[in-house]
């Protein structure tokens, strides 16, 4: 049996950013029947992450950093990914 994508994303993000806080939220049920819903129950996610790695980095660059850390997951294995990335104190 394959590992849930949420757990895989959490593991990759912890390794890449040593986050202070991290939540990987499966929003797929809210999008049932919409575009991109493949019926897997793992198509739409929100990531809320706080890490010192994001200090002094633009919002766009933070998104790119998270996407890079997740490899082939965004856009290929997950249809939609919302990223809320913060530096400490923001």
PDB file of N, CA and C in Angstrom:
ATOM      1  N   UNK A   1       0.852  -1.191   0.000  1.00  0.00           N
ATOM      2  CA  UNK A   1       0.000   0.000   0.000  1.00  0.00           C
ATOM      3  C   UNK A   1       0.889   1.244   0.000  1.00  0.00           C
ATOM      4  N   UNK A   2       0.505   2.210  -0.802  1.00  0.00           N
ATOM      5  CA  UNK A   2       1.317   3.418  -0.892  1.00  0.00           C
ATOM      6  C   UNK A   2       1.068   4.329   0.304  1.00  0.00           C
ATOM      7  N   UNK A   3       2.052   5.111   0.583  1.00  0.00           N
ATOM      8  CA  UNK A   3       2.000   6.065   1.695  1.00  0.00           C
ATOM      9  C   UNK A   3       1.145   7.262   1.303  1.00  0.00           C
ATOM     10  N   UNK A   4       0.301   7.766   2.201  1.00  0.00           N
ATOM     11  CA  UNK A   4      -0.491   8.954   1.860  1.00  0.00           C
ATOM     12  C   UNK A   4       0.408  10.128   1.452  1.00  0.00           C
ATOM     13  N   UNK A   5      -0.053  10.864   0.455  1.00  0.00           N
ATOM     14  CA  UNK A   5       0.717  11.989  -0.056  1.00  0.00           C
ATOM     15  C   UNK A   5       0.966  13.031   1.039  1.00  0.00           C
ATOM     16  N   UNK A   6      -0.015  13.256   1.914  1.00  0.00           N
ATOM     17  CA  UNK A   6       0.162  14.251   2.978  1.00  0.00           C
ATOM     18  C   UNK A   6       1.368  13.912   3.850  1.00  0.00           C
ATOM     19  N   UNK A   7       1.532  12.642   4.190  1.00  0.00           N
ATOM     20  CA  UNK A   7       2.678  12.239   5.017  1.00  0.00           C
ATOM     21  C   UNK A   7       3.988  12.385   4.254  1.00  0.00           C
ATOM     22  N   UNK A   8       3.957  12.080   2.977  1.00  0.00           N
ATOM     23  CA  UNK A   8       5.154  12.241   2.142  1.00  0.00           C
ATOM     24  C   UNK A   8       5.553  13.716   2.053  1.00  0.00           C
ATOM     25  N   UNK A   9       4.563  14.586   1.846  1.00  0.00           N
ATOM     26  CA  UNK A   9       4.860  16.020   1.771  1.00  0.00           C
ATOM     27  C   UNK A   9       5.399  16.518   3.100  1.00  0.00           C
ATOM     28  N   UNK A  10       4.805  16.096   4.204  1.00  0.00           N
ATOM     29  CA  UNK A  10       5.282  16.515   5.522  1.00  0.00           C
ATOM     30  C   UNK A  10       6.734  16.109   5.735  1.00  0.00           C
ATOM     31  N   UNK A  11       7.068  14.900   5.388  1.00  0.00           N
ATOM     32  CA  UNK A  11       8.439  14.407   5.552  1.00  0.00           C
ATOM     33  C   UNK A  11       9.423  15.222   4.709  1.00  0.00           C
ATOM     34  N   UNK A  12       9.071  15.481   3.456  1.00  0.00           N
ATOM     35  CA  UNK A  12       9.948  16.259   2.562  1.00  0.00           C
ATOM     36  C   UNK A  12      10.141  17.681   3.072  1.00  0.00           C
ATOM     37  N   UNK A  13       9.067  18.305   3.544  1.00  0.00           N
ATOM     38  CA  UNK A  13       9.149  19.687   4.027  1.00  0.00           C
ATOM     39  C   UNK A  13       9.935  19.776   5.328  1.00  0.00           C
ATOM     40  N   UNK A  14       9.782  18.806   6.213  1.00  0.00           N
ATOM     41  CA  UNK A  14      10.560  18.800   7.458  1.00  0.00           C
ATOM     42  C   UNK A  14      12.055  18.673   7.152  1.00  0.00           C
ATOM     43  N   UNK A  15      12.390  17.831   6.204  1.00  0.00           N
ATOM     44  CA  UNK A  15      13.798  17.641   5.838  1.00  0.00           C
ATOM     45  C   UNK A  15      14.379  18.888   5.182  1.00  0.00           C
ATOM     46  N   UNK A  16      13.588  19.561   4.361  1.00  0.00           N
ATOM     47  CA  UNK A  16      14.098  20.711   3.607  1.00  0.00           C
ATOM     48  C   UNK A  16      14.174  21.989   4.429  1.00  0.00           C
ATOM     49  N   UNK A  17      13.228  22.200   5.360  1.00  0.00           N
ATOM     50  CA  UNK A  17      13.103  23.509   5.994  1.00  0.00           C
ATOM     51  C   UNK A  17      13.215  23.510   7.512  1.00  0.00           C
ATOM     52  N   UNK A  18      13.290  22.360   8.161  1.00  0.00           N
ATOM     53  CA  UNK A  18      13.327  22.288   9.629  1.00  0.00           C
ATOM     54  C   UNK A  18      12.324  23.281  10.220  1.00  0.00           C
ATOM     55  N   UNK A  19      11.044  23.109   9.889  1.00  0.00           N
ATOM     56  CA  UNK A  19      10.049  24.121  10.258  1.00  0.00           C
ATOM     57  C   UNK A  19       9.773  24.210  11.757  1.00  0.00           C
ATOM     58  N   UNK A  20       9.414  25.416  12.174  1.00  0.00           N
ATOM     59  CA  UNK A  20       8.961  25.649  13.541  1.00  0.00           C
ATOM     60  C   UNK A  20       7.546  25.105  13.677  1.00  0.00           C
ATOM     61  N   UNK A  21       6.714  25.405  12.679  1.00  0.00           N
ATOM     62  CA  UNK A  21       5.377  24.832  12.603  1.00  0.00           C
ATOM     63  C   UNK A  21       5.138  24.345  11.183  1.00  0.00           C
ATOM     64  N   UNK A  22       4.331  23.294  11.070  1.00  0.00           N
ATOM     65  CA  UNK A  22       3.997  22.741   9.765  1.00  0.00           C
ATOM     66  C   UNK A  22       2.651  22.046   9.852  1.00  0.00           C
ATOM     67  N   UNK A  23       1.769  22.394   8.922  1.00  0.00           N
ATOM     68  CA  UNK A  23       0.490  21.701   8.793  1.00  0.00           C
ATOM     69  C   UNK A  23       0.274  21.404   7.315  1.00  0.00           C
ATOM     70  N   UNK A  24       0.006  20.143   6.999  1.00  0.00           N
ATOM     71  CA  UNK A  24      -0.357  19.734   5.652  1.00  0.00           C
ATOM     72  C   UNK A  24      -1.825  19.323   5.736  1.00  0.00           C
ATOM     73  N   UNK A  25      -2.689  20.135   5.136  1.00  0.00           N
ATOM     74  CA  UNK A  25      -4.132  19.982   5.279  1.00  0.00           C
ATOM     75  C   UNK A  25      -4.722  19.471   3.966  1.00  0.00           C
ATOM     76  N   UNK A  26      -5.424  18.351   4.052  1.00  0.00           N
ATOM     77  CA  UNK A  26      -6.062  17.779   2.873  1.00  0.00           C
ATOM     78  C   UNK A  26      -7.417  18.452   2.675  1.00  0.00           C
ATOM     79  N   UNK A  27      -7.515  19.236   1.600  1.00  0.00           N
ATOM     80  CA  UNK A  27      -8.745  19.961   1.261  1.00  0.00           C
ATOM     81  C   UNK A  27      -9.551  19.243   0.180  1.00  0.00           C
ATOM     82  N   UNK A  28      -9.185  18.041  -0.160  1.00  0.00           N
ATOM     83  CA  UNK A  28      -9.771  17.353  -1.305  1.00  0.00           C
ATOM     84  C   UNK A  28     -11.285  17.203  -1.207  1.00  0.00           C
ATOM     85  N   UNK A  29     -11.807  16.930  -0.023  1.00  0.00           N
ATOM     86  CA  UNK A  29     -13.249  16.734   0.129  1.00  0.00           C
ATOM     87  C   UNK A  29     -14.038  17.975  -0.265  1.00  0.00           C
ATOM     88  N   UNK A  30     -13.445  19.152  -0.082  1.00  0.00           N
ATOM     89  CA  UNK A  30     -14.112  20.404  -0.456  1.00  0.00           C
ATOM     90  C   UNK A  30     -14.220  20.561  -1.972  1.00  0.00           C
ATOM     91  N   UNK A  31     -13.425  19.796  -2.712  1.00  0.00           N
ATOM     92  CA  UNK A  31     -13.354  19.935  -4.167  1.00  0.00           C
ATOM     93  C   UNK A  31     -13.909  18.715  -4.894  1.00  0.00           C
ATOM     94  N   UNK A  32     -14.611  17.852  -4.181  1.00  0.00           N
ATOM     95  CA  UNK A  32     -15.179  16.646  -4.787  1.00  0.00           C
ATOM     96  C   UNK A  32     -16.063  17.014  -5.972  1.00  0.00           C
ATOM     97  N   UNK A  33     -15.775  16.421  -7.107  1.00  0.00           N
ATOM     98  CA  UNK A  33     -16.555  16.677  -8.314  1.00  0.00           C
ATOM     99  C   UNK A  33     -16.093  17.878  -9.112  1.00  0.00           C
ATOM    100  N   UNK A  34     -15.135  18.633  -8.600  1.00  0.00           N
ATOM    101  CA  UNK A  34     -14.622  19.803  -9.313  1.00  0.00           C
ATOM    102  C   UNK A  34     -13.462  19.391 -10.220  1.00  0.00           C
ATOM    103  N   UNK A  35     -13.009  20.333 -11.013  1.00  0.00           N
ATOM    104  CA  UNK A  35     -11.856  20.093 -11.882  1.00  0.00           C
ATOM    105  C   UNK A  35     -10.657  19.674 -11.038  1.00  0.00           C
ATOM    106  N   UNK A  36      -9.964  18.667 -11.498  1.00  0.00           N
ATOM    107  CA  UNK A  36      -8.767  18.208 -10.806  1.00  0.00           C
ATOM    108  C   UNK A  36      -9.031  17.160  -9.753  1.00  0.00           C
ATOM    109  N   UNK A  37     -10.287  16.905  -9.422  1.00  0.00           N
ATOM    110  CA  UNK A  37     -10.611  15.857  -8.454  1.00  0.00           C
ATOM    111  C   UNK A  37     -10.522  14.523  -9.172  1.00  0.00           C
ATOM    112  N   UNK A  38      -9.502  13.755  -8.823  1.00  0.00           N
ATOM    113  CA  UNK A  38      -9.298  12.472  -9.494  1.00  0.00           C
ATOM    114  C   UNK A  38      -9.944  11.313  -8.739  1.00  0.00           C
ATOM    115  N   UNK A  39     -10.670  11.617  -7.666  1.00  0.00           N
ATOM    116  CA  UNK A  39     -11.342  10.581  -6.895  1.00  0.00           C
ATOM    117  C   UNK A  39     -10.458   9.899  -5.872  1.00  0.00           C
ATOM    118  N   UNK A  40      -9.191  10.281  -5.805  1.00  0.00           N
ATOM    119  CA  UNK A  40      -8.242   9.637  -4.884  1.00  0.00           C
ATOM    120  C   UNK A  40      -8.400  10.144  -3.459  1.00  0.00           C
ATOM    121  N   UNK A  41      -9.023  11.311  -3.307  1.00  0.00           N
ATOM    122  CA  UNK A  41      -9.091  11.940  -1.992  1.00  0.00           C
ATOM    123  C   UNK A  41      -7.787  12.635  -1.626  1.00  0.00           C
ATOM    124  N   UNK A  42      -6.887  12.737  -2.594  1.00  0.00           N
ATOM    125  CA  UNK A  42      -5.585  13.388  -2.374  1.00  0.00           C
ATOM    126  C   UNK A  42      -5.241  14.288  -3.560  1.00  0.00           C
ATOM    127  N   UNK A  43      -6.153  15.229  -3.848  1.00  0.00           N
ATOM    128  CA  UNK A  43      -5.947  16.085  -5.022  1.00  0.00           C
ATOM    129  C   UNK A  43      -5.705  17.553  -4.682  1.00  0.00           C
ATOM    130  N   UNK A  44      -6.164  18.004  -3.516  1.00  0.00           N
ATOM    131  CA  UNK A  44      -6.070  19.410  -3.127  1.00  0.00           C
ATOM    132  C   UNK A  44      -5.549  19.523  -1.693  1.00  0.00           C
ATOM    133  N   UNK A  45      -4.505  20.335  -1.509  1.00  0.00           N
ATOM    134  CA  UNK A  45      -3.898  20.486  -0.190  1.00  0.00           C
ATOM    135  C   UNK A  45      -3.560  21.943   0.098  1.00  0.00           C
ATOM    136  N   UNK A  46      -3.508  22.265   1.384  1.00  0.00           N
ATOM    137  CA  UNK A  46      -2.974  23.535   1.861  1.00  0.00           C
ATOM    138  C   UNK A  46      -1.795  23.212   2.765  1.00  0.00           C
ATOM    139  N   UNK A  47      -0.704  23.938   2.575  1.00  0.00           N
ATOM    140  CA  UNK A  47       0.473  23.800   3.431  1.00  0.00           C
ATOM    141  C   UNK A  47       0.670  25.107   4.168  1.00  0.00           C
ATOM    142  N   UNK A  48       0.711  25.031   5.488  1.00  0.00           N
ATOM    143  CA  UNK A  48       1.039  26.187   6.331  1.00  0.00           C
ATOM    144  C   UNK A  48       2.359  25.855   7.013  1.00  0.00           C
ATOM    145  N   UNK A  49       3.382  26.642   6.719  1.00  0.00           N
ATOM    146  CA  UNK A  49       4.721  26.334   7.218  1.00  0.00           C
ATOM    147  C   UNK A  49       5.403  27.608   7.703  1.00  0.00           C
ATOM    148  N   UNK A  50       6.085  27.510   8.821  1.00  0.00           N
ATOM    149  CA  UNK A  50       6.893  28.608   9.362  1.00  0.00           C
ATOM    150  C   UNK A  50       8.311  28.093   9.528  1.00  0.00           C
ATOM    151  N   UNK A  51       9.246  28.796   8.927  1.00  0.00           N
ATOM    152  CA  UNK A  51      10.644  28.372   8.972  1.00  0.00           C
ATOM    153  C   UNK A  51      11.574  29.566   8.815  1.00  0.00           C
ATOM    154  N   UNK A  52      12.710  29.503   9.476  1.00  0.00           N
ATOM    155  CA  UNK A  52      13.733  30.537   9.316  1.00  0.00           C
ATOM    156  C   UNK A  52      14.254  30.575   7.884  1.00  0.00           C
ATOM    157  N   UNK A  53      14.080  29.495   7.134  1.00  0.00           N
ATOM    158  CA  UNK A  53      14.519  29.446   5.735  1.00  0.00           C
ATOM    159  C   UNK A  53      13.837  30.502   4.876  1.00  0.00           C
ATOM    160  N   UNK A  54      12.681  31.005   5.327  1.00  0.00           N
ATOM    161  CA  UNK A  54      11.929  31.970   4.536  1.00  0.00           C
ATOM    162  C   UNK A  54      12.227  33.429   4.898  1.00  0.00           C
ATOM    163  N   UNK A  55      13.099  33.659   5.843  1.00  0.00           N
ATOM    164  CA  UNK A  55      13.434  35.024   6.250  1.00  0.00           C
ATOM    165  C   UNK A  55      14.070  35.777   5.081  1.00  0.00           C
ATOM    166  N   UNK A  56      13.551  36.961   4.792  1.00  0.00           N
ATOM    167  CA  UNK A  56      14.111  37.791   3.728  1.00  0.00           C
ATOM    168  C   UNK A  56      13.818  37.301   2.325  1.00  0.00           C
ATOM    169  N   UNK A  57      12.873  36.387   2.189  1.00  0.00           N
ATOM    170  CA  UNK A  57      12.557  35.785   0.892  1.00  0.00           C
ATOM    171  C   UNK A  57      11.148  36.218   0.486  1.00  0.00           C
ATOM    172  N   UNK A  58      10.962  36.574  -0.786  1.00  0.00           N
ATOM    173  CA  UNK A  58       9.652  37.009  -1.268  1.00  0.00           C
ATOM    174  C   UNK A  58       8.642  35.868  -1.215  1.00  0.00           C
ATOM    175  N   UNK A  59       7.373  36.230  -1.227  1.00  0.00           N
ATOM    176  CA  UNK A  59       6.300  35.228  -1.204  1.00  0.00           C
ATOM    177  C   UNK A  59       6.408  34.277  -2.406  1.00  0.00           C
ATOM    178  N   UNK A  60       6.696  34.824  -3.580  1.00  0.00           N
ATOM    179  CA  UNK A  60       6.835  33.996  -4.778  1.00  0.00           C
ATOM    180  C   UNK A  60       8.000  33.019  -4.634  1.00  0.00           C
ATOM    181  N   UNK A  61       9.121  33.498  -4.134  1.00  0.00           N
ATOM    182  CA  UNK A  61      10.282  32.624  -3.967  1.00  0.00           C
ATOM    183  C   UNK A  61      10.005  31.545  -2.926  1.00  0.00           C
ATOM    184  N   UNK A  62       9.264  31.867  -1.877  1.00  0.00           N
ATOM    185  CA  UNK A  62       8.889  30.866  -0.874  1.00  0.00           C
ATOM    186  C   UNK A  62       8.072  29.754  -1.519  1.00  0.00           C
ATOM    187  N   UNK A  63       7.111  30.142  -2.359  1.00  0.00           N
ATOM    188  CA  UNK A  63       6.290  29.156  -3.083  1.00  0.00           C
ATOM    189  C   UNK A  63       7.177  28.261  -3.933  1.00  0.00           C
ATOM    190  N   UNK A  64       8.116  28.868  -4.617  1.00  0.00           N
ATOM    191  CA  UNK A  64       9.033  28.088  -5.468  1.00  0.00           C
ATOM    192  C   UNK A  64       9.892  27.142  -4.631  1.00  0.00           C
ATOM    193  N   UNK A  65      10.334  27.605  -3.480  1.00  0.00           N
ATOM    194  CA  UNK A  65      11.151  26.762  -2.592  1.00  0.00           C
ATOM    195  C   UNK A  65      10.350  25.541  -2.124  1.00  0.00           C
ATOM    196  N   UNK A  66       9.108  25.767  -1.736  1.00  0.00           N
ATOM    197  CA  UNK A  66       8.254  24.665  -1.281  1.00  0.00           C
ATOM    198  C   UNK A  66       8.000  23.695  -2.436  1.00  0.00           C
ATOM    199  N   UNK A  67       7.641  24.225  -3.601  1.00  0.00           N
ATOM    200  CA  UNK A  67       7.401  23.357  -4.762  1.00  0.00           C
ATOM    201  C   UNK A  67       8.640  22.535  -5.105  1.00  0.00           C
ATOM    202  N   UNK A  68       9.820  23.156  -5.061  1.00  0.00           N
ATOM    203  CA  UNK A  68      11.059  22.435  -5.369  1.00  0.00           C
ATOM    204  C   UNK A  68      11.301  21.319  -4.357  1.00  0.00           C
ATOM    205  N   UNK A  69      11.037  21.589  -3.088  1.00  0.00           N
ATOM    206  CA  UNK A  69      11.240  20.570  -2.050  1.00  0.00           C
ATOM    207  C   UNK A  69      10.302  19.382  -2.232  1.00  0.00           C
ATOM    208  N   UNK A  70       9.137  19.625  -2.836  1.00  0.00           N
ATOM    209  CA  UNK A  70       8.138  18.564  -3.018  1.00  0.00           C
ATOM    210  C   UNK A  70       8.317  17.773  -4.303  1.00  0.00           C
ATOM    211  N   UNK A  71       9.286  18.149  -5.125  1.00  0.00           N
ATOM    212  CA  UNK A  71       9.595  17.367  -6.324  1.00  0.00           C
ATOM    213  C   UNK A  71       8.433  17.272  -7.291  1.00  0.00           C
ATOM    214  N   UNK A  72       8.036  16.033  -7.628  1.00  0.00           N
ATOM    215  CA  UNK A  72       6.998  15.820  -8.644  1.00  0.00           C
ATOM    216  C   UNK A  72       5.576  15.876  -8.080  1.00  0.00           C
ATOM    217  N   UNK A  73       5.434  16.180  -6.797  1.00  0.00           N
ATOM    218  CA  UNK A  73       4.092  16.165  -6.201  1.00  0.00           C
ATOM    219  C   UNK A  73       3.216  17.294  -6.741  1.00  0.00           C
ATOM    220  N   UNK A  74       3.639  18.569  -6.662  1.00  0.00           N
ATOM    221  CA  UNK A  74       2.767  19.642  -7.168  1.00  0.00           C
ATOM    222  C   UNK A  74       2.587  19.553  -8.684  1.00  0.00           C
ATOM    223  N   UNK A  75       1.345  19.588  -9.127  1.00  0.00           N
ATOM    224  CA  UNK A  75       1.063  19.612 -10.558  1.00  0.00           C
ATOM    225  C   UNK A  75       1.043  18.256 -11.225  1.00  0.00           C
ATOM    226  N   UNK A  76       1.680  17.263 -10.627  1.00  0.00           N
ATOM    227  CA  UNK A  76       1.681  15.938 -11.229  1.00  0.00           C
ATOM    228  C   UNK A  76       0.900  14.939 -10.379  1.00  0.00           C
ATOM    229  N   UNK A  77       1.197  14.886  -9.099  1.00  0.00           N
ATOM    230  CA  UNK A  77       0.511  13.945  -8.214  1.00  0.00           C
ATOM    231  C   UNK A  77      -0.580  14.615  -7.390  1.00  0.00           C
ATOM    232  N   UNK A  78      -0.517  15.946  -7.288  1.00  0.00           N
ATOM    233  CA  UNK A  78      -1.531  16.735  -6.585  1.00  0.00           C
ATOM    234  C   UNK A  78      -1.979  17.825  -7.546  1.00  0.00           C
ATOM    235  N   UNK A  79      -3.284  18.007  -7.674  1.00  0.00           N
ATOM    236  CA  UNK A  79      -3.819  18.991  -8.623  1.00  0.00           C
ATOM    237  C   UNK A  79      -3.613  20.424  -8.139  1.00  0.00           C
ATOM    238  N   UNK A  80      -3.883  20.672  -6.857  1.00  0.00           N
ATOM    239  CA  UNK A  80      -3.819  22.044  -6.350  1.00  0.00           C
ATOM    240  C   UNK A  80      -3.133  22.073  -4.992  1.00  0.00           C
ATOM    241  N   UNK A  81      -2.265  23.068  -4.827  1.00  0.00           N
ATOM    242  CA  UNK A  81      -1.503  23.212  -3.592  1.00  0.00           C
ATOM    243  C   UNK A  81      -1.461  24.687  -3.216  1.00  0.00           C
ATOM    244  N   UNK A  82      -2.060  25.020  -2.078  1.00  0.00           N
ATOM    245  CA  UNK A  82      -2.000  26.387  -1.554  1.00  0.00           C
ATOM    246  C   UNK A  82      -0.886  26.415  -0.517  1.00  0.00           C
ATOM    247  N   UNK A  83      -0.010  27.400  -0.615  1.00  0.00           N
ATOM    248  CA  UNK A  83       1.136  27.485   0.295  1.00  0.00           C
ATOM    249  C   UNK A  83       1.063  28.782   1.081  1.00  0.00           C
ATOM    250  N   UNK A  84       1.119  28.637   2.399  1.00  0.00           N
ATOM    251  CA  UNK A  84       1.199  29.774   3.321  1.00  0.00           C
ATOM    252  C   UNK A  84       2.520  29.620   4.060  1.00  0.00           C
ATOM    253  N   UNK A  85       3.568  30.255   3.545  1.00  0.00           N
ATOM    254  CA  UNK A  85       4.907  30.126   4.101  1.00  0.00           C
ATOM    255  C   UNK A  85       5.294  31.419   4.808  1.00  0.00           C
ATOM    256  N   UNK A  86       5.733  31.288   6.060  1.00  0.00           N
ATOM    257  CA  UNK A  86       6.102  32.461   6.868  1.00  0.00           C
ATOM    258  C   UNK A  86       7.477  32.252   7.485  1.00  0.00           C
ATOM    259  N   UNK A  87       8.142  33.363   7.744  1.00  0.00           N
ATOM    260  CA  UNK A  87       9.366  33.355   8.543  1.00  0.00           C
ATOM    261  C   UNK A  87       8.967  33.616   9.992  1.00  0.00           C
ATOM    262  N   UNK A  88       9.797  33.236  10.948  1.00  0.00           N
ATOM    263  CA  UNK A  88       9.470  33.519  12.361  1.00  0.00           C
ATOM    264  C   UNK A  88       9.192  34.999  12.583  1.00  0.00           C
ATOM    265  N   UNK A  89       8.167  35.289  13.352  1.00  0.00           N
ATOM    266  CA  UNK A  89       7.829  36.665  13.681  1.00  0.00           C
ATOM    267  C   UNK A  89       6.922  37.356  12.692  1.00  0.00           C
ATOM    268  N   UNK A  90       6.571  36.701  11.620  1.00  0.00           N
ATOM    269  CA  UNK A  90       5.675  37.316  10.628  1.00  0.00           C
ATOM    270  C   UNK A  90       4.228  37.042  10.967  1.00  0.00           C
TER     271      UNK A  90
END
